[in-house]
C-alpha atoms as a PDB file:
ATOM      1  CA  MET A   1      87.490 178.533 144.614  1.00  0.00           C
ATOM      2  CA  ILE A   2      91.035 179.602 144.008  1.00  0.00           C
ATOM      3  CA  ALA A   3      92.413 182.576 145.953  1.00  0.00           C
ATOM      4  CA  GLY A   4      88.900 183.819 146.648  1.00  0.00           C
ATOM      5  CA  ARG A   5      87.943 184.027 142.969  1.00  0.00           C
ATOM      6  CA  GLY A   6      85.429 182.005 141.007  1.00  0.00           C
ATOM      7  CA  PRO A   7      82.016 180.578 141.805  1.00  0.00           C
ATOM      8  CA  SER A   8      81.152 179.248 145.220  1.00  0.00           C
ATOM      9  CA  PRO A   9      81.169 175.475 145.742  1.00  0.00           C
ATOM     10  CA  ALA A  10      77.450 175.583 146.554  1.00  0.00           C
ATOM     11  CA  LEU A  11      76.705 177.173 143.145  1.00  0.00           C
ATOM     12  CA  VAL A  12      78.857 174.600 141.323  1.00  0.00           C
ATOM     13  CA  GLY A  13      77.043 171.824 143.138  1.00  0.00           C
ATOM     14  CA  LEU A  14      73.655 173.216 142.140  1.00  0.00           C
ATOM     15  CA  LEU A  15      74.767 173.611 138.485  1.00  0.00           C
ATOM     16  CA  VAL A  16      75.990 170.006 138.371  1.00  0.00           C
ATOM     17  CA  GLN A  17      72.700 168.751 139.810  1.00  0.00           C
ATOM     18  CA  ARG A  18      70.792 170.538 137.034  1.00  0.00           C
ATOM     19  CA  LEU A  19      72.689 168.828 134.193  1.00  0.00           C
ATOM     20  CA  PRO A  20      70.563 166.660 131.904  1.00  0.00           C
ATOM     21  CA  ASP A  21      70.559 162.922 132.544  1.00  0.00           C
ATOM     22  CA  ASP A  22      72.240 162.187 129.184  1.00  0.00           C
ATOM     23  CA  SER A  23      75.201 164.540 129.773  1.00  0.00           C
ATOM     24  CA  LEU A  24      78.805 163.330 129.890  1.00  0.00           C
ATOM     25  CA  THR A  25      79.105 164.185 133.547  1.00  0.00           C
ATOM     26  CA  ALA A  26      76.069 162.045 134.393  1.00  0.00           C
ATOM     27  CA  ALA A  27      77.398 159.262 132.163  1.00  0.00           C
ATOM     28  CA  LEU A  28      80.752 159.224 133.950  1.00  0.00           C
ATOM     29  CA  ALA A  29      78.968 159.143 137.314  1.00  0.00           C
ATOM     30  CA  THR A  30      76.750 156.277 136.120  1.00  0.00           C
ATOM     31  CA  GLY A  31      79.489 153.982 134.909  1.00  0.00           C
ATOM     32  CA  GLY A  32      81.571 155.381 132.042  1.00  0.00           C
ATOM     33  CA  ARG A  33      81.644 156.964 128.628  1.00  0.00           C
ATOM     34  CA  GLU A  34      79.514 154.146 127.120  1.00  0.00           C
ATOM     35  CA  HIS A  35      76.537 155.623 129.014  1.00  0.00           C
ATOM     36  CA  PHE A  36      76.854 159.015 127.247  1.00  0.00           C
ATOM     37  CA  GLY A  37      73.549 159.899 125.560  1.00  0.00           C
ATOM     38  CA  TRP A  38      71.637 157.208 127.486  1.00  0.00           C
ATOM     39  CA  GLY A  39      69.022 159.166 129.445  1.00  0.00           C
ATOM     40  CA  ILE A  40      65.792 157.921 130.947  1.00  0.00           C
ATOM     41  CA  ASP A  41      63.978 158.325 127.637  1.00  0.00           C
ATOM     42  CA  ARG A  42      66.456 156.222 125.696  1.00  0.00           C
ATOM     43  CA  HIS A  43      66.346 153.435 128.298  1.00  0.00           C
ATOM     44  CA  LEU A  44      62.534 153.409 128.188  1.00  0.00           C
ATOM     45  CA  LEU A  45      62.563 153.257 124.377  1.00  0.00           C
ATOM     46  CA  ALA A  46      64.980 150.308 124.419  1.00  0.00           C
ATOM     47  CA  ASP A  47      62.728 148.536 126.952  1.00  0.00           C
ATOM     48  CA  LEU A  48      59.701 149.236 124.781  1.00  0.00           C
ATOM     49  CA  PHE A  49      61.478 147.814 121.739  1.00  0.00           C
ATOM     50  CA  ASP A  50      62.375 144.630 123.647  1.00  0.00           C
ATOM     51  CA  ALA A  51      58.828 144.276 125.024  1.00  0.00           C
ATOM     52  CA  LEU A  52      57.336 144.596 121.535  1.00  0.00           C
ATOM     53  CA  ASN A  53      59.682 141.974 120.186  1.00  0.00           C
ATOM     54  CA  ALA A  54      58.917 139.601 123.063  1.00  0.00           C
ATOM     55  CA  ASN A  55      55.186 140.099 122.453  1.00  0.00           C
ATOM     56  CA  THR A  56      55.641 139.430 118.716  1.00  0.00           C
ATOM     57  CA  ARG A  57      57.591 136.258 119.475  1.00  0.00           C
ATOM     58  CA  ALA A  58      55.060 135.066 122.053  1.00  0.00           C
ATOM     59  CA  THR A  59      51.910 135.679 120.012  1.00  0.00           C
ATOM     60  CA  GLY A  60      53.190 134.829 116.529  1.00  0.00           C
ATOM     61  CA  ASN A  61      51.850 131.910 114.492  1.00  0.00           C
ATOM     62  CA  TRP A  62      55.158 130.037 114.334  1.00  0.00           C
ATOM     63  CA  GLY A  63      55.614 126.360 113.787  1.00  0.00           C
ATOM     64  CA  LYS A  64      56.526 124.224 116.796  1.00  0.00           C
ATOM     65  CA  GLY A  65      59.994 125.277 117.889  1.00  0.00           C
ATOM     66  CA  LYS A  66      60.317 127.692 114.927  1.00  0.00           C
ATOM     67  CA  ALA A  67      59.920 131.001 116.800  1.00  0.00           C
ATOM     68  CA  PRO A  68      62.752 133.335 115.676  1.00  0.00           C
ATOM     69  CA  LYS A  69      65.259 134.609 118.200  1.00  0.00           C
ATOM     70  CA  ILE A  70      64.948 138.385 118.135  1.00  0.00           C
ATOM     71  CA  PRO A  71      68.023 140.115 119.575  1.00  0.00           C
ATOM     72  CA  LEU A  72      67.640 142.678 122.358  1.00  0.00           C
ATOM     73  CA  TRP A  73      68.399 146.319 121.787  1.00  0.00           C
ATOM     74  CA  PRO A  74      72.103 146.915 122.498  1.00  0.00           C
ATOM     75  CA  ARG A  75      72.622 148.754 125.790  1.00  0.00           C
ATOM     76  CA  PRO A  76      75.775 150.102 127.401  1.00  0.00           C
ATOM     77  CA  LYS A  77      77.360 147.674 129.795  1.00  0.00           C
ATOM     78  CA  PRO A  78      79.387 148.879 132.772  1.00  0.00           C
ATOM     79  CA  LYS A  79      82.966 147.730 132.960  1.00  0.00           C
ATOM     80  CA  ALA A  80      83.501 144.823 135.329  1.00  0.00           C
ATOM     81  CA  LYS A  81      85.611 145.781 138.284  1.00  0.00           C
ATOM     82  CA  LYS A  82      87.665 143.236 140.151  1.00  0.00           C
ATOM     83  CA  GLN A  83      86.647 142.823 143.754  1.00  0.00           C
ATOM     84  CA  GLU A  84      89.744 142.529 145.863  1.00  0.00           C
ATOM     85  CA  ALA A  85      89.762 141.776 149.509  1.00  0.00           C
ATOM     86  CA  LYS A  86      91.295 144.855 151.086  1.00  0.00           C
ATOM     87  CA  LYS A  87      92.470 145.063 154.605  1.00  0.00           C
ATOM     88  CA  PRO A  88      91.694 148.294 156.471  1.00  0.00           C
ATOM     89  CA  SER A  89      94.466 150.896 156.180  1.00  0.00           C
ATOM     90  CA  SER A  90      96.067 152.285 159.283  1.00  0.00           C
ATOM     91  CA  VAL A  91      96.262 156.016 159.931  1.00  0.00           C
ATOM     92  CA  ALA A  92     100.031 155.896 159.280  1.00  0.00           C
ATOM     93  CA  GLU A  93      99.459 154.306 155.834  1.00  0.00           C
ATOM     94  CA  LEU A  94      96.863 156.926 154.944  1.00  0.00           C
ATOM     95  CA  PHE A  95      99.163 159.701 156.045  1.00  0.00           C
ATOM     96  CA  ALA A  96     102.003 158.277 153.927  1.00  0.00           C
ATOM     97  CA  LYS A  97      99.736 158.114 150.898  1.00  0.00           C
ATOM     98  CA  PHE A  98      98.777 161.764 151.210  1.00  0.00           C
ATOM     99  CA  GLN A  99     102.408 162.894 151.753  1.00  0.00           C
ATOM    100  CA  ARG A 100     103.684 161.394 148.458  1.00  0.00           C
ATOM    101  CA  ARG A 101     104.139 163.782 145.561  1.00  0.00           C
END
């Protein structure tokens, strides 16, 4: 809310919660732009595709050691983040960070 105008923060929070699971906002909260369009239904269909292929490979009449390698359905992968050992910041360091412009 800027200078008393605009929607209340509670209303904005409720509107964001009602966004569909394949929206860009939900994708960015999940892990990045590569998740855009990947809702629950798309994940379930990709899992179903992989399960059908695994069943086909397991029950097929293949020669010994001749079962084909069926690739998995491509899924979005989250970007790997480096885990750094961080020491706790002091109150003075936090204050200095917020004072920079």
